[in-house]
Amino acid sequence: MLFYILLFLGIISLWWHWRARDRMKVTNLTGKYIFITGCDTGFGNMAAKIFDKKGFRVFASCLTETGAKELKAVTSQQLQTVLLDVRDSESVKKVAAWVKSEVQSEGLWGLVNNAGILGPTAPTDWLDIEHFREPIEVNLIGLINVTINMLPLIKKAKGRIVNVSSVGGRLAFSGGGYFPSKFGVEGFNDSLRRDMKAFGVKVCCIQPGLFKTALTDPAQVLKEKEVIWEKLSPDIKKQYGEEYFQKDAAKKEKLSKICLNKDLSPVIQCMEHALTSLHPHAHYVVGQDAKLFWNPLARMPAVIQDFLLLRNKVELAASNAK
């Protein structure tokens, strides 16, 4: 009995120590520079506003002039917006040079790689290489390019890199370029974290579940898939069946209602912890769906993953013809 009491007290002590360690913050962060990509809408937009209020000197990159103007209108004079398409290497280099001139000898405390797109999500035999190319160019190559160009400034500040991945970087549950791009982000993040350890730079990865943002707009997702469906060959349409598209859309809508997180703030809280904690986490799993379903499922054997994910798939006309 004494052994079990001591074991229980030991576990409680370790848990309490971990909680206390997790709450330890870096001091004197007010006025530190951070750069955030993808600030037109969604996570990046909210993060720019919140970190601006907390006293960081925020560089918020936007894809559109409209996004930049709207963000600037509701933030302090300290926040600066800049137009950036992460697919454009020359644009990335110019923005990095501008940031260098702004931060000078202080360096860049934080880089939040948030910019991303979903791209078409459809069965692989519906797609061509261009459907895969754009999500990979934005979500992976663009993220790597921005990181490489900002890295000297982050090393100078012994700062933080926060890469926004996805539970889709651990478990692929649809066809298209989004999931390969996020698996790539996970690999890049892990190697970068180990490479930068010697320089005092901490690298973190945020893995959100399904959140209500422009990226997951069901109407846009359905529209993109419908365009692809209309261009399919008669043979493929016959294999899937004329009713497949509508049935699949209904299943996806049902899944979205169950899994979708409407409050974006938990993701921003993870970004803040990664930027301000003395001991940031290597990975942050965010969202009830991610914690309770996607992340546990990603750790299970493939046979279990396939069984559960295929239960949400529409039966093909070709299957019925056998």
Protein backbone atom coordinates (compact mmCIF):
# COMPACT_ATOMS: atom_id res chain seq x y z
CA MET A 1 0.00 0.00 0.00
CA LEU A 2 2.82 2.39 0.90
CA PHE A 3 4.38 1.77 -2.52
CA TYR A 4 1.19 2.85 -4.33
CA ILE A 5 0.81 5.93 -2.16
CA LEU A 6 4.40 6.97 -2.91
CA LEU A 7 3.88 6.25 -6.61
CA PHE A 8 0.73 8.39 -6.65
CA LEU A 9 2.48 11.24 -4.83
CA GLY A 10 5.41 10.98 -7.23
CA ILE A 11 3.11 11.29 -10.26
CA ILE A 12 1.32 14.27 -8.71
CA SER A 13 4.68 15.92 -7.97
CA LEU A 14 5.91 15.44 -11.55
CA TRP A 15 2.63 16.78 -12.94
CA TRP A 16 2.80 19.84 -10.66
CA HIS A 17 6.43 20.47 -11.66
CA TRP A 18 5.53 20.19 -15.35
CA ARG A 19 2.62 22.64 -14.93
CA ALA A 20 4.82 25.14 -13.11
CA ARG A 21 7.54 24.80 -15.76
CA ASP A 22 4.98 25.24 -18.53
CA ARG A 23 3.86 28.59 -17.07
CA MET A 24 7.36 30.12 -16.94
CA LYS A 25 7.62 33.09 -19.33
CA VAL A 26 10.43 34.92 -21.10
CA THR A 27 10.83 38.41 -19.63
CA ASN A 28 11.21 41.74 -21.43
CA LEU A 29 9.37 40.77 -24.62
CA THR A 30 7.55 44.11 -25.03
CA GLY A 31 8.71 45.76 -28.23
CA LYS A 32 10.21 42.58 -29.67
CA TYR A 33 9.76 42.07 -33.41
CA ILE A 34 7.65 39.24 -34.84
CA PHE A 35 6.78 38.46 -38.46
CA ILE A 36 3.52 36.67 -39.34
CA THR A 37 2.52 35.39 -42.77
CA GLY A 38 -1.04 35.01 -44.06
CA CYS A 39 -2.66 37.88 -42.14
CA ASP A 40 -5.54 38.68 -44.52
CA THR A 41 -7.97 36.43 -42.62
CA GLY A 42 -8.16 33.56 -40.15
CA PHE A 43 -5.44 32.65 -37.66
CA GLY A 44 -2.89 35.13 -39.00
CA ASN A 45 -5.31 38.04 -38.90
CA MET A 46 -6.36 37.33 -35.32
CA ALA A 47 -2.77 36.72 -34.22
CA ALA A 48 -1.59 40.04 -35.68
CA LYS A 49 -4.30 41.94 -33.78
CA ILE A 50 -3.72 40.16 -30.47
CA PHE A 51 0.08 40.33 -30.53
CA ASP A 52 -0.10 44.00 -31.48
CA LYS A 53 -2.23 44.65 -28.38
CA LYS A 54 0.25 42.71 -26.24
CA GLY A 55 3.05 45.07 -27.18
CA PHE A 56 4.93 43.14 -29.85
CA ARG A 57 6.14 45.06 -32.89
CA VAL A 58 4.29 43.08 -35.53
CA PHE A 59 5.16 42.75 -39.21
CA ALA A 60 1.98 41.34 -40.75
CA SER A 61 2.31 40.03 -44.29
CA CYS A 62 -0.84 39.94 -46.42
CA LEU A 63 -1.49 38.58 -49.89
CA THR A 64 -3.86 41.40 -50.89
CA GLU A 65 -3.91 45.18 -50.50
CA THR A 66 -7.48 44.93 -49.20
CA GLY A 67 -6.41 42.57 -46.42
CA ALA A 68 -3.49 44.83 -45.48
CA LYS A 69 -5.64 47.98 -45.37
CA GLU A 70 -8.38 46.36 -43.29
CA LEU A 71 -5.86 45.02 -40.77
CA LYS A 72 -4.01 48.32 -40.54
CA ALA A 73 -7.28 50.14 -39.89
CA VAL A 74 -7.96 48.19 -36.66
CA THR A 75 -4.44 47.97 -35.19
CA SER A 76 -1.94 50.37 -33.65
CA GLN A 77 0.55 52.55 -35.47
CA GLN A 78 3.26 50.13 -34.31
CA LEU A 79 1.98 47.27 -36.49
CA GLN A 80 3.29 47.33 -40.05
CA THR A 81 1.76 45.48 -42.97
CA VAL A 82 3.60 44.28 -46.06
CA LEU A 83 2.40 42.54 -49.21
CA LEU A 84 3.88 39.09 -49.70
CA ASP A 85 3.16 36.13 -51.94
CA VAL A 86 5.19 33.29 -50.42
CA ARG A 87 5.31 31.59 -53.83
CA ASP A 88 7.38 34.48 -55.23
CA SER A 89 11.06 34.07 -54.28
CA GLU A 90 11.97 37.64 -55.25
CA SER A 91 9.14 38.99 -53.11
CA VAL A 92 10.31 36.87 -50.17
CA LYS A 93 13.89 38.17 -50.52
CA LYS A 94 12.75 41.80 -50.73
CA VAL A 95 10.53 41.49 -47.67
CA ALA A 96 13.33 39.78 -45.71
CA ALA A 97 15.70 42.64 -46.64
CA TRP A 98 13.08 45.18 -45.50
CA VAL A 99 12.61 43.35 -42.18
CA LYS A 100 16.39 43.32 -41.70
CA SER A 101 16.53 47.09 -42.17
CA GLU A 102 13.74 47.52 -39.60
CA VAL A 103 15.05 45.23 -36.85
CA GLN A 104 18.73 46.09 -37.40
CA SER A 105 21.01 44.65 -34.68
CA GLU A 106 18.11 43.45 -32.50
CA GLY A 107 17.12 40.67 -34.84
CA LEU A 108 13.72 39.03 -35.22
CA TRP A 109 12.28 37.41 -32.09
CA GLY A 110 9.46 35.47 -33.74
CA LEU A 111 8.50 34.07 -37.14
CA VAL A 112 5.00 32.65 -37.45
CA ASN A 113 4.62 30.73 -40.71
CA ASN A 114 0.84 30.75 -41.03
CA ALA A 115 0.13 31.36 -44.74
CA GLY A 116 -1.61 28.41 -46.34
CA ILE A 117 -4.27 27.22 -48.74
CA LEU A 118 -6.39 24.08 -48.93
CA GLY A 119 -6.50 23.50 -52.66
CA PRO A 120 -8.82 20.92 -54.24
CA THR A 121 -9.61 17.92 -52.04
CA ALA A 122 -10.83 15.06 -54.20
CA PRO A 123 -9.97 11.45 -55.07
CA THR A 124 -6.48 11.26 -56.56
CA ASP A 125 -7.64 9.90 -59.92
CA TRP A 126 -9.73 13.07 -60.41
CA LEU A 127 -6.67 15.32 -60.19
CA ASP A 128 -3.73 16.41 -62.32
CA ILE A 129 -0.31 17.62 -61.18
CA GLU A 130 -1.36 21.28 -61.06
CA HIS A 131 -3.97 20.48 -58.40
CA PHE A 132 -1.11 19.23 -56.21
CA ARG A 133 1.41 21.92 -57.14
CA GLU A 134 -0.21 25.05 -55.67
CA PRO A 135 -0.82 23.79 -52.10
CA ILE A 136 2.71 22.40 -51.99
CA GLU A 137 4.16 25.65 -53.36
CA VAL A 138 2.33 27.75 -50.76
CA ASN A 139 2.17 25.51 -47.70
CA LEU A 140 5.59 23.86 -47.92
CA ILE A 141 8.00 25.51 -50.39
CA GLY A 142 6.79 29.01 -49.46
CA LEU A 143 7.11 28.26 -45.74
CA ILE A 144 10.65 26.92 -46.21
CA ASN A 145 11.64 29.89 -48.37
CA VAL A 146 10.40 32.45 -45.84
CA THR A 147 12.15 30.58 -43.02
CA ILE A 148 15.50 30.38 -44.83
CA ASN A 149 15.45 34.11 -45.62
CA MET A 150 14.47 35.12 -42.07
CA LEU A 151 16.76 32.64 -40.31
CA PRO A 152 19.81 34.91 -39.86
CA LEU A 153 17.61 37.50 -38.12
CA ILE A 154 16.05 34.88 -35.84
CA LYS A 155 19.45 33.41 -34.94
CA LYS A 156 20.66 36.89 -34.03
CA ALA A 157 17.77 37.29 -31.55
CA LYS A 158 17.91 33.63 -30.40
CA GLY A 159 14.20 33.74 -31.13
CA ARG A 160 11.34 31.46 -32.08
CA ILE A 161 9.96 29.88 -35.24
CA VAL A 162 6.31 28.76 -35.16
CA ASN A 163 5.13 26.66 -38.09
CA VAL A 164 1.39 26.17 -38.54
CA SER A 165 0.86 22.65 -39.81
CA SER A 166 -2.34 20.63 -39.33
CA VAL A 167 -3.64 17.31 -38.05
CA GLY A 168 -3.56 16.66 -41.81
CA GLY A 169 0.22 16.54 -41.42
CA ARG A 170 -0.18 13.41 -39.31
CA LEU A 171 -3.14 11.73 -41.02
CA ALA A 172 -4.27 12.10 -44.64
CA PHE A 173 -8.02 11.72 -44.95
CA SER A 174 -8.59 13.08 -48.47
CA GLY A 175 -6.81 13.28 -51.80
CA GLY A 176 -5.07 16.43 -53.05
CA GLY A 177 -1.94 18.46 -52.39
CA TYR A 178 -2.88 19.78 -48.94
CA PHE A 179 -1.97 16.65 -47.00
CA PRO A 180 1.40 15.98 -48.71
CA SER A 181 2.27 19.66 -48.10
CA LYS A 182 1.50 19.40 -44.38
CA PHE A 183 3.39 16.11 -44.01
CA GLY A 184 6.31 18.00 -45.55
CA VAL A 185 5.92 20.84 -43.04
CA GLU A 186 6.14 18.30 -40.20
CA GLY A 187 9.38 16.87 -41.60
CA PHE A 188 10.92 20.29 -42.19
CA ASN A 189 9.87 21.45 -38.72
CA ASP A 190 11.49 18.47 -36.98
CA SER A 191 14.81 18.76 -38.81
CA LEU A 192 14.88 22.55 -38.35
CA ARG A 193 14.19 22.21 -34.61
CA ARG A 194 17.23 19.98 -34.19
CA ASP A 195 19.44 22.12 -36.44
CA MET A 196 18.62 25.31 -34.54
CA LYS A 197 18.99 23.95 -31.01
CA ALA A 198 22.70 24.80 -30.89
CA PHE A 199 21.89 28.44 -31.75
CA GLY A 200 19.34 28.89 -28.99
CA VAL A 201 16.49 29.12 -31.50
CA LYS A 202 13.34 27.20 -30.53
CA VAL A 203 11.14 25.73 -33.28
CA CYS A 204 7.51 24.77 -32.65
CA CYS A 205 4.77 23.21 -34.73
CA ILE A 206 1.05 23.88 -34.30
CA GLN A 207 -1.33 21.15 -35.49
CA PRO A 208 -4.89 22.54 -35.61
CA GLY A 209 -7.90 20.36 -36.26
CA LEU A 210 -10.79 21.60 -38.41
CA PHE A 211 -11.41 25.30 -37.67
CA LYS A 212 -13.88 27.68 -39.25
CA THR A 213 -11.71 29.86 -41.49
CA ALA A 214 -11.73 30.98 -45.11
CA LEU A 215 -9.54 27.95 -45.85
CA THR A 216 -12.30 25.53 -44.79
CA ASP A 217 -15.27 27.38 -46.31
CA PRO A 218 -17.55 24.47 -47.33
CA ALA A 219 -19.11 26.39 -50.22
CA GLN A 220 -15.70 27.10 -51.75
CA VAL A 221 -14.50 23.53 -51.19
CA LEU A 222 -17.63 22.16 -52.88
CA LYS A 223 -17.34 24.62 -55.78
CA GLU A 224 -13.74 23.59 -56.51
CA LYS A 225 -14.64 19.91 -56.39
CA GLU A 226 -17.66 20.46 -58.66
CA VAL A 227 -15.48 22.14 -61.31
CA ILE A 228 -13.18 19.11 -61.28
CA TRP A 229 -16.11 16.67 -61.40
CA GLU A 230 -17.57 18.35 -64.48
CA LYS A 231 -14.27 17.93 -66.35
CA LEU A 232 -13.84 14.23 -65.55
CA SER A 233 -13.88 11.66 -68.32
CA PRO A 234 -17.07 9.61 -68.79
CA ASP A 235 -15.15 6.48 -67.73
CA ILE A 236 -14.22 7.90 -64.32
CA LYS A 237 -17.72 9.30 -63.76
CA LYS A 238 -19.10 5.87 -64.55
CA GLN A 239 -16.71 4.25 -62.05
CA TYR A 240 -17.81 6.60 -59.28
CA GLY A 241 -21.46 6.90 -60.27
CA GLU A 242 -23.52 9.99 -61.09
CA GLU A 243 -24.80 10.20 -57.50
CA TYR A 244 -21.32 10.07 -55.96
CA PHE A 245 -20.72 13.82 -55.98
CA GLN A 246 -23.93 14.70 -54.11
CA LYS A 247 -23.58 11.83 -51.61
CA ASP A 248 -19.94 12.70 -50.90
CA ALA A 249 -20.83 16.38 -50.36
CA ALA A 250 -23.53 15.37 -47.87
CA LYS A 251 -21.10 13.17 -45.91
CA LYS A 252 -18.46 15.90 -45.82
CA GLU A 253 -21.02 18.44 -44.60
CA LYS A 254 -22.10 16.08 -41.81
CA LEU A 255 -18.47 15.49 -40.77
CA SER A 256 -17.78 19.23 -40.81
CA LYS A 257 -20.70 19.93 -38.46
CA ILE A 258 -19.38 17.35 -36.00
CA CYS A 259 -15.70 18.34 -36.11
CA LEU A 260 -15.60 22.07 -36.90
CA ASN A 261 -14.17 24.35 -34.19
CA LYS A 262 -15.66 27.85 -34.43
CA ASP A 263 -13.46 29.59 -31.85
CA LEU A 264 -10.03 30.41 -33.34
CA SER A 265 -8.53 31.69 -30.08
CA PRO A 266 -7.04 28.33 -28.89
CA VAL A 267 -4.72 28.37 -31.92
CA ILE A 268 -3.59 31.93 -31.11
CA GLN A 269 -3.02 30.90 -27.48
CA CYS A 270 -0.69 28.15 -28.70
CA MET A 271 1.17 30.67 -30.88
CA GLU A 272 1.54 32.95 -27.87
CA HIS A 273 2.84 30.13 -25.67
CA ALA A 274 5.35 29.16 -28.36
CA LEU A 275 6.58 32.77 -28.59
CA THR A 276 6.65 33.64 -24.89
CA SER A 277 7.21 30.46 -22.85
CA LEU A 278 10.65 29.63 -21.47
CA HIS A 279 9.89 26.03 -22.38
CA PRO A 280 7.69 25.98 -25.50
CA HIS A 281 6.30 22.67 -26.74
CA ALA A 282 7.70 20.98 -29.82
CA HIS A 283 4.12 20.28 -30.98
CA TYR A 284 0.75 21.82 -30.11
CA VAL A 285 -2.36 19.79 -30.97
CA VAL A 286 -5.33 22.20 -31.05
CA GLY A 287 -9.08 21.63 -31.30
CA GLN A 288 -11.37 19.10 -29.66
CA ASP A 289 -11.60 17.06 -32.86
CA ALA A 290 -7.80 16.93 -33.12
CA LYS A 291 -7.29 15.93 -29.50
CA LEU A 292 -10.11 13.40 -29.24
CA PHE A 293 -10.11 11.83 -32.70
CA TRP A 294 -7.57 12.80 -35.38
CA ASN A 295 -4.42 12.79 -33.25
CA PRO A 296 -5.19 9.48 -31.45
CA LEU A 297 -6.20 7.92 -34.79
CA ALA A 298 -2.89 9.03 -36.35
CA ARG A 299 -1.07 6.91 -33.76
CA MET A 300 -3.07 3.76 -34.45
CA PRO A 301 -2.21 0.93 -36.88
CA ALA A 302 -3.04 1.55 -40.54
CA VAL A 303 -5.72 -1.15 -40.53
CA ILE A 304 -7.68 0.77 -37.86
CA GLN A 305 -7.15 4.11 -39.61
CA ASP A 306 -8.39 2.70 -42.91
CA PHE A 307 -11.41 1.02 -41.32
CA LEU A 308 -12.60 4.20 -39.59
CA LEU A 309 -11.86 6.62 -42.43
CA LEU A 310 -13.36 4.41 -45.14
CA ARG A 311 -16.61 4.24 -43.19
CA ASN A 312 -17.13 7.88 -44.19
CA LYS A 313 -16.52 7.18 -47.88
CA VAL A 314 -19.30 6.85 -50.45
CA GLU A 315 -19.55 3.42 -52.06
CA LEU A 316 -18.54 3.55 -55.72
CA ALA A 317 -20.76 2.47 -58.59
CA ALA A 318 -17.89 0.22 -59.77
CA SER A 319 -18.03 -1.61 -56.43
CA ASN A 320 -21.71 -2.38 -56.90
CA ALA A 321 -21.09 -3.67 -60.41
CA LYS A 322 -18.82 -6.50 -59.17
